């Protein structure tokens, strides 16, 4: 499976959401992106329409409702990584 995101960027965004975000019932939440995980091996970033799952540092599953939502979600992740403001 071709990776849609670099695992090191994924991990950096995951860590940022966990440290700066608000805790919710499904993990942590920051600027429209949820971060959930089981230990350090099974990590997940998601929003209402998209999900990326990483196991042991490799992207193992991606779910996007359509290409438009895929682009929007990956832009949210990119903006979190770069520290840019996300418009809703």
Protein backbone atom coordinates (compact mmCIF):
# COMPACT_ATOMS: atom_id res chain seq x y z
CA UNK A 1 0.00 0.00 0.00
CA UNK A 2 1.38 3.40 -0.92
CA UNK A 3 1.66 5.69 2.05
CA UNK A 4 -0.51 8.81 1.98
CA UNK A 5 1.50 10.42 4.79
CA UNK A 6 5.04 10.17 6.06
CA UNK A 7 4.94 8.21 9.35
CA UNK A 8 7.26 10.72 11.05
CA UNK A 9 4.87 13.58 10.18
CA UNK A 10 1.97 11.45 11.40
CA UNK A 11 3.77 10.84 14.72
CA UNK A 12 4.64 14.54 15.15
CA UNK A 13 1.00 15.56 14.58
CA UNK A 14 -0.25 12.79 16.88
CA UNK A 15 2.11 13.97 19.66
CA UNK A 16 1.06 17.59 19.15
CA UNK A 17 -2.64 16.72 19.46
CA UNK A 18 -2.03 14.64 22.59
CA UNK A 19 0.03 17.36 24.29
CA UNK A 20 -1.88 20.47 23.19
CA UNK A 21 -5.38 19.13 22.55
CA UNK A 22 -8.40 18.56 24.73
CA UNK A 23 -9.22 15.11 25.99
CA UNK A 24 -12.43 13.59 24.63
CA UNK A 25 -14.23 10.27 24.81
CA UNK A 26 -12.34 8.96 21.78
CA UNK A 27 -8.85 10.25 22.61
CA UNK A 28 -7.62 13.82 22.14
CA UNK A 29 -8.97 16.58 19.91
CA UNK A 30 -7.25 19.59 18.37
CA UNK A 31 -8.56 21.83 15.58
CA UNK A 32 -10.90 19.29 14.02
CA UNK A 33 -8.60 16.26 14.23
CA UNK A 34 -8.86 13.43 16.77
CA UNK A 35 -5.88 11.39 17.91
CA UNK A 36 -6.44 7.98 19.45
CA UNK A 37 -4.12 5.13 20.25
CA UNK A 38 -3.42 1.98 22.15
CA UNK A 39 0.02 2.36 23.62
CA UNK A 40 2.65 3.61 21.21
CA UNK A 41 2.16 0.89 18.58
CA UNK A 42 -1.40 1.48 17.36
CA UNK A 43 -2.02 5.16 16.54
CA UNK A 44 -4.85 6.82 14.66
CA UNK A 45 -5.72 10.27 13.34
CA UNK A 46 -9.30 10.89 12.26
CA UNK A 47 -12.09 13.36 11.71
CA UNK A 48 -15.75 12.85 10.80
CA UNK A 49 -14.98 11.65 7.27
CA UNK A 50 -11.42 10.31 7.28
CA UNK A 51 -9.11 8.02 9.21
CA UNK A 52 -5.44 7.05 9.03
CA UNK A 53 -4.16 4.17 11.15
CA UNK A 54 -0.48 3.49 11.86
CA UNK A 55 0.85 0.31 13.46
CA UNK A 56 4.51 -0.02 14.42
CA UNK A 57 5.44 3.10 12.41
CA UNK A 58 3.78 2.04 9.15
CA UNK A 59 0.50 3.23 7.63
CA UNK A 60 -1.71 0.13 7.59
CA UNK A 61 -5.16 1.55 6.88
CA UNK A 62 -6.70 4.65 5.39
CA UNK A 63 -10.38 5.47 5.09
CA UNK A 64 -11.70 8.48 3.22
CA UNK A 65 -15.34 9.05 2.28
CA UNK A 66 -14.25 10.62 -1.04
CA UNK A 67 -11.28 12.39 -2.62
CA UNK A 68 -12.45 15.83 -1.51
CA UNK A 69 -12.53 14.72 2.14
CA UNK A 70 -9.14 13.07 1.69
CA UNK A 71 -7.58 16.34 0.53
CA UNK A 72 -9.28 18.33 3.30
CA UNK A 73 -8.13 15.92 6.00
CA UNK A 74 -4.55 15.77 4.77
CA UNK A 75 -4.51 19.59 4.63
CA UNK A 76 -5.66 19.73 8.27
CA UNK A 77 -2.85 17.35 9.22
CA UNK A 78 -0.32 19.38 7.21
CA UNK A 79 -1.44 22.62 8.85
CA UNK A 80 -1.14 21.09 12.31
CA UNK A 81 2.35 19.89 11.43
CA UNK A 82 3.39 23.31 10.11
CA UNK A 83 1.65 25.25 12.88
CA UNK A 84 -0.70 27.07 10.50
CA UNK A 85 -4.19 28.24 11.43
CA UNK A 86 -6.98 25.91 10.32
CA UNK A 87 -10.17 27.52 9.05
CA UNK A 88 -13.35 25.54 9.64
